[in-house]
């Protein structure tokens, strides 16, 4: 079976709206959420980086505390994919961040 690209990886992710619709089911499950990095939302505190992911009028607060440094493409206005879990506090705790301009 031949696909589109040679090493095409399926990066399936949820939108913030889909995450919100999952309600309690979203908690404690490994998920990937996509959105745009909101302007002036990136805050670095020690090993943690906090930022807001925005999509249309929806926003999601994300805390990243992974081992890998954030990609150079991670900046306000970039599209970001966050892998992690939604906490009971409503904050998405990411262990991996991918970003593309």
N, C-alpha and C. Protein backbone atom coordinates (compact mmCIF):
# COMPACT_ATOMS: atom_id res chain seq x y z
N UNK A 1 0.84 -1.19 0.00
CA UNK A 1 0.00 0.00 0.00
C UNK A 1 0.88 1.24 0.00
N UNK A 2 0.64 2.15 -0.88
CA UNK A 2 1.46 3.35 -0.91
C UNK A 2 0.66 4.54 -0.39
N UNK A 3 1.32 5.31 0.47
CA UNK A 3 0.66 6.50 1.03
C UNK A 3 1.10 7.73 0.29
N UNK A 4 0.91 8.89 0.90
CA UNK A 4 1.27 10.15 0.25
C UNK A 4 2.76 10.39 0.28
N UNK A 5 3.31 10.64 1.47
CA UNK A 5 4.73 10.94 1.59
C UNK A 5 5.51 9.71 1.97
N UNK A 6 6.83 9.81 1.89
CA UNK A 6 7.68 8.66 2.19
C UNK A 6 7.61 8.34 3.67
N UNK A 7 7.88 9.32 4.52
CA UNK A 7 7.76 9.03 5.95
C UNK A 7 6.66 9.90 6.54
N UNK A 8 5.48 9.73 6.00
CA UNK A 8 4.32 10.49 6.44
C UNK A 8 3.89 9.96 7.81
N UNK A 9 3.89 10.82 8.78
CA UNK A 9 3.42 10.39 10.10
C UNK A 9 2.05 10.98 10.32
N UNK A 10 1.17 10.17 10.81
CA UNK A 10 -0.18 10.65 11.08
C UNK A 10 -0.15 11.43 12.39
N UNK A 11 -0.30 12.72 12.30
CA UNK A 11 -0.33 13.53 13.51
C UNK A 11 -1.78 13.89 13.78
N UNK A 12 -2.52 12.92 14.28
CA UNK A 12 -3.92 13.17 14.60
C UNK A 12 -3.96 13.92 15.93
N UNK A 13 -4.74 14.96 15.98
CA UNK A 13 -4.85 15.69 17.23
C UNK A 13 -6.27 16.23 17.40
N UNK A 14 -6.56 16.59 18.62
CA UNK A 14 -7.87 17.16 18.95
C UNK A 14 -7.79 18.68 18.86
N UNK A 15 -8.89 19.30 18.52
CA UNK A 15 -8.98 20.75 18.61
C UNK A 15 -9.37 21.07 20.05
N UNK A 16 -9.24 22.33 20.44
CA UNK A 16 -9.64 22.72 21.80
C UNK A 16 -11.13 22.48 21.99
N UNK A 17 -11.92 22.73 20.94
CA UNK A 17 -13.37 22.50 21.03
C UNK A 17 -13.67 21.02 21.28
N UNK A 18 -12.96 20.13 20.56
CA UNK A 18 -13.17 18.69 20.76
C UNK A 18 -12.76 18.27 22.16
N UNK A 19 -11.68 18.85 22.65
CA UNK A 19 -11.22 18.55 24.01
C UNK A 19 -12.29 18.96 25.02
N UNK A 20 -12.86 20.16 24.84
CA UNK A 20 -13.91 20.65 25.74
C UNK A 20 -15.14 19.75 25.69
N UNK A 21 -15.48 19.24 24.51
CA UNK A 21 -16.66 18.38 24.36
C UNK A 21 -16.47 17.03 25.06
N UNK A 22 -15.21 16.60 25.22
CA UNK A 22 -14.95 15.31 25.87
C UNK A 22 -15.27 15.36 27.36
N UNK A 23 -15.28 16.55 27.94
CA UNK A 23 -15.59 16.69 29.36
C UNK A 23 -14.68 15.85 30.24
N UNK A 24 -15.28 15.10 31.16
CA UNK A 24 -14.51 14.30 32.11
C UNK A 24 -13.69 13.21 31.43
N UNK A 25 -14.14 12.75 30.27
CA UNK A 25 -13.42 11.70 29.55
C UNK A 25 -12.01 12.13 29.15
N UNK A 26 -11.80 13.45 29.03
CA UNK A 26 -10.50 13.96 28.61
C UNK A 26 -9.45 13.85 29.71
N UNK A 27 -9.91 13.77 30.96
CA UNK A 27 -8.97 13.76 32.08
C UNK A 27 -8.21 12.42 32.13
N UNK A 28 -6.95 12.52 32.45
CA UNK A 28 -6.09 11.34 32.65
C UNK A 28 -5.91 10.46 31.42
N UNK A 29 -6.18 11.00 30.23
CA UNK A 29 -5.90 10.25 29.01
C UNK A 29 -4.83 10.98 28.24
N UNK A 30 -3.89 10.23 27.65
CA UNK A 30 -2.86 10.87 26.84
C UNK A 30 -3.51 11.38 25.57
N UNK A 31 -3.36 12.67 25.33
CA UNK A 31 -3.98 13.30 24.18
C UNK A 31 -2.98 14.20 23.48
N UNK A 32 -3.31 14.55 22.25
CA UNK A 32 -2.54 15.55 21.52
C UNK A 32 -3.52 16.63 21.12
N UNK A 33 -3.21 17.86 21.50
CA UNK A 33 -4.09 18.98 21.20
C UNK A 33 -3.33 19.99 20.34
N UNK A 34 -4.03 20.55 19.36
CA UNK A 34 -3.40 21.52 18.48
C UNK A 34 -4.07 22.88 18.57
N UNK A 35 -3.27 23.92 18.36
CA UNK A 35 -3.79 25.29 18.36
C UNK A 35 -2.66 26.26 18.07
N UNK A 36 -2.97 27.53 18.14
CA UNK A 36 -1.96 28.56 17.91
C UNK A 36 -1.45 29.09 19.24
N UNK A 37 -0.16 29.37 19.30
CA UNK A 37 0.42 29.94 20.52
C UNK A 37 -0.04 31.40 20.61
N UNK A 38 -0.74 31.73 21.68
CA UNK A 38 -1.29 33.08 21.85
C UNK A 38 -0.18 34.11 22.08
N UNK A 39 -0.40 35.32 21.58
CA UNK A 39 0.56 36.42 21.76
C UNK A 39 0.79 36.68 23.25
N UNK A 40 2.02 37.00 23.61
CA UNK A 40 2.40 37.38 24.98
C UNK A 40 1.96 36.37 26.04
N UNK A 41 1.89 35.07 25.67
CA UNK A 41 1.42 34.11 26.67
C UNK A 41 2.52 33.18 27.17
N UNK A 42 3.71 33.25 26.58
CA UNK A 42 4.77 32.31 26.96
C UNK A 42 5.50 32.81 28.21
N UNK A 43 5.47 31.98 29.26
CA UNK A 43 6.14 32.32 30.51
C UNK A 43 7.05 31.16 30.90
N UNK A 44 8.33 31.46 31.08
CA UNK A 44 9.28 30.42 31.49
C UNK A 44 9.54 30.54 32.99
N UNK A 45 9.27 29.44 33.71
CA UNK A 45 9.51 29.41 35.16
C UNK A 45 10.35 28.19 35.46
N UNK A 46 11.65 28.38 35.61
CA UNK A 46 12.52 27.25 35.87
C UNK A 46 12.45 26.27 34.72
N UNK A 47 12.13 25.02 35.03
CA UNK A 47 12.05 23.99 33.99
C UNK A 47 10.71 24.01 33.25
N UNK A 48 9.74 24.73 33.80
CA UNK A 48 8.41 24.76 33.20
C UNK A 48 8.23 25.93 32.23
N UNK A 49 7.47 25.68 31.18
CA UNK A 49 7.07 26.74 30.28
C UNK A 49 5.55 26.71 30.21
N UNK A 50 4.94 27.84 30.55
CA UNK A 50 3.49 27.96 30.51
C UNK A 50 3.12 28.83 29.33
N UNK A 51 2.08 28.42 28.58
CA UNK A 51 1.60 29.27 27.49
C UNK A 51 0.14 28.98 27.25
N UNK A 52 -0.48 29.83 26.47
CA UNK A 52 -1.88 29.67 26.13
C UNK A 52 -1.99 29.29 24.67
N UNK A 53 -2.77 28.24 24.43
CA UNK A 53 -3.05 27.80 23.07
C UNK A 53 -4.42 28.36 22.71
N UNK A 54 -4.53 28.96 21.54
CA UNK A 54 -5.78 29.58 21.13
C UNK A 54 -6.27 29.00 19.81
N UNK A 55 -7.59 28.94 19.70
CA UNK A 55 -8.21 28.44 18.48
C UNK A 55 -9.55 29.14 18.37
N UNK A 56 -9.68 29.96 17.35
CA UNK A 56 -10.88 30.80 17.22
C UNK A 56 -11.06 31.57 18.52
N UNK A 57 -12.17 31.38 19.23
CA UNK A 57 -12.35 32.14 20.47
C UNK A 57 -12.00 31.32 21.71
N UNK A 58 -11.56 30.09 21.51
CA UNK A 58 -11.27 29.21 22.64
C UNK A 58 -9.81 29.30 23.05
N UNK A 59 -9.57 29.09 24.35
CA UNK A 59 -8.20 29.10 24.84
C UNK A 59 -7.98 27.93 25.78
N UNK A 60 -6.74 27.47 25.81
CA UNK A 60 -6.37 26.37 26.68
C UNK A 60 -5.01 26.70 27.29
N UNK A 61 -4.92 26.62 28.60
CA UNK A 61 -3.65 26.88 29.27
C UNK A 61 -2.84 25.59 29.26
N UNK A 62 -1.57 25.72 28.87
CA UNK A 62 -0.69 24.55 28.76
C UNK A 62 0.56 24.78 29.61
N UNK A 63 0.96 23.73 30.35
CA UNK A 63 2.22 23.77 31.08
C UNK A 63 3.09 22.66 30.51
N UNK A 64 4.28 23.04 30.05
CA UNK A 64 5.21 22.07 29.47
C UNK A 64 6.38 21.88 30.43
N UNK A 65 6.65 20.61 30.76
CA UNK A 65 7.82 20.34 31.61
C UNK A 65 8.55 19.11 31.10
N UNK A 66 8.70 19.04 29.80
CA UNK A 66 9.41 17.91 29.19
C UNK A 66 10.91 18.08 29.27
N UNK A 67 11.60 17.06 28.80
CA UNK A 67 13.06 17.04 28.86
C UNK A 67 13.66 17.79 27.67
N UNK A 68 13.04 17.63 26.51
CA UNK A 68 13.57 18.24 25.30
C UNK A 68 13.36 19.74 25.30
N UNK A 69 14.34 20.50 24.78
CA UNK A 69 14.13 21.94 24.66
C UNK A 69 13.02 22.22 23.66
N UNK A 70 12.36 23.33 23.83
CA UNK A 70 11.28 23.67 22.90
C UNK A 70 11.87 23.96 21.52
N UNK A 71 11.14 23.61 20.47
CA UNK A 71 11.65 23.85 19.12
C UNK A 71 11.83 25.34 18.82
N UNK A 72 12.76 25.66 17.94
CA UNK A 72 13.00 27.06 17.56
C UNK A 72 11.75 27.70 16.97
N UNK A 73 10.90 26.86 16.38
CA UNK A 73 9.69 27.37 15.74
C UNK A 73 8.59 27.70 16.75
N UNK A 74 8.83 27.37 18.03
CA UNK A 74 7.83 27.65 19.07
C UNK A 74 7.88 29.13 19.44
N UNK A 75 6.90 29.88 18.96
CA UNK A 75 6.83 31.32 19.24
C UNK A 75 5.39 31.76 19.07
N UNK A 76 5.04 32.95 19.56
CA UNK A 76 3.66 33.42 19.41
C UNK A 76 3.23 33.41 17.94
N UNK A 77 2.03 32.92 17.71
CA UNK A 77 1.49 32.86 16.35
C UNK A 77 1.78 31.56 15.64
N UNK A 78 2.71 30.76 16.18
CA UNK A 78 3.02 29.46 15.56
C UNK A 78 1.93 28.46 15.90
N UNK A 79 1.79 27.46 15.03
CA UNK A 79 0.87 26.37 15.33
C UNK A 79 1.63 25.41 16.22
N UNK A 80 1.00 24.95 17.29
CA UNK A 80 1.66 24.03 18.20
C UNK A 80 0.81 22.79 18.42
N UNK A 81 1.48 21.67 18.61
CA UNK A 81 0.83 20.42 19.01
C UNK A 81 1.41 20.06 20.36
N UNK A 82 0.55 19.84 21.33
CA UNK A 82 0.99 19.48 22.67
C UNK A 82 0.53 18.07 23.00
N UNK A 83 1.47 17.21 23.40
CA UNK A 83 1.16 15.86 23.84
C UNK A 83 1.18 15.82 25.35
N UNK A 84 0.13 15.30 25.95
CA UNK A 84 0.11 15.20 27.40
C UNK A 84 -1.26 14.84 27.92
N UNK A 85 -1.55 15.34 29.11
CA UNK A 85 -2.82 15.01 29.76
C UNK A 85 -3.47 16.27 30.30
N UNK A 86 -4.79 16.28 30.24
CA UNK A 86 -5.55 17.38 30.82
C UNK A 86 -5.71 17.11 32.30
N UNK A 87 -5.26 18.04 33.12
CA UNK A 87 -5.36 17.85 34.56
C UNK A 87 -6.73 18.19 35.09
N UNK A 88 -7.00 17.78 36.33
CA UNK A 88 -8.27 18.09 36.98
C UNK A 88 -8.42 19.60 37.13
N UNK A 89 -7.29 20.32 37.08
CA UNK A 89 -7.31 21.78 37.22
C UNK A 89 -7.68 22.48 35.90
N UNK A 90 -7.91 21.68 34.85
CA UNK A 90 -8.27 22.27 33.56
C UNK A 90 -7.07 22.75 32.76
N UNK A 91 -5.87 22.51 33.31
CA UNK A 91 -4.64 22.89 32.61
C UNK A 91 -4.09 21.65 31.91
N UNK A 92 -3.63 21.84 30.68
CA UNK A 92 -3.08 20.72 29.91
C UNK A 92 -1.60 20.59 30.25
N UNK A 93 -1.22 19.42 30.77
CA UNK A 93 0.17 19.18 31.19
C UNK A 93 0.87 18.41 30.08
N UNK A 94 1.72 19.13 29.32
CA UNK A 94 2.35 18.55 28.15
C UNK A 94 3.76 18.04 28.44
N UNK A 95 4.08 16.91 27.84
CA UNK A 95 5.43 16.36 27.96
C UNK A 95 6.18 16.47 26.65
N UNK A 96 5.47 16.87 25.59
CA UNK A 96 6.12 17.06 24.30
C UNK A 96 5.39 18.17 23.55
N UNK A 97 6.17 19.03 22.91
CA UNK A 97 5.60 20.13 22.12
C UNK A 97 6.22 20.10 20.74
N UNK A 98 5.36 20.19 19.73
CA UNK A 98 5.84 20.34 18.35
C UNK A 98 5.27 21.67 17.88
N UNK A 99 6.03 22.38 17.05
CA UNK A 99 5.55 23.66 16.56
C UNK A 99 5.93 23.84 15.11
N UNK A 100 5.04 24.47 14.37
CA UNK A 100 5.37 24.82 13.00
C UNK A 100 4.86 26.22 12.71
N UNK A 101 5.64 26.95 11.95
CA UNK A 101 5.29 28.35 11.65
C UNK A 101 4.07 28.42 10.76
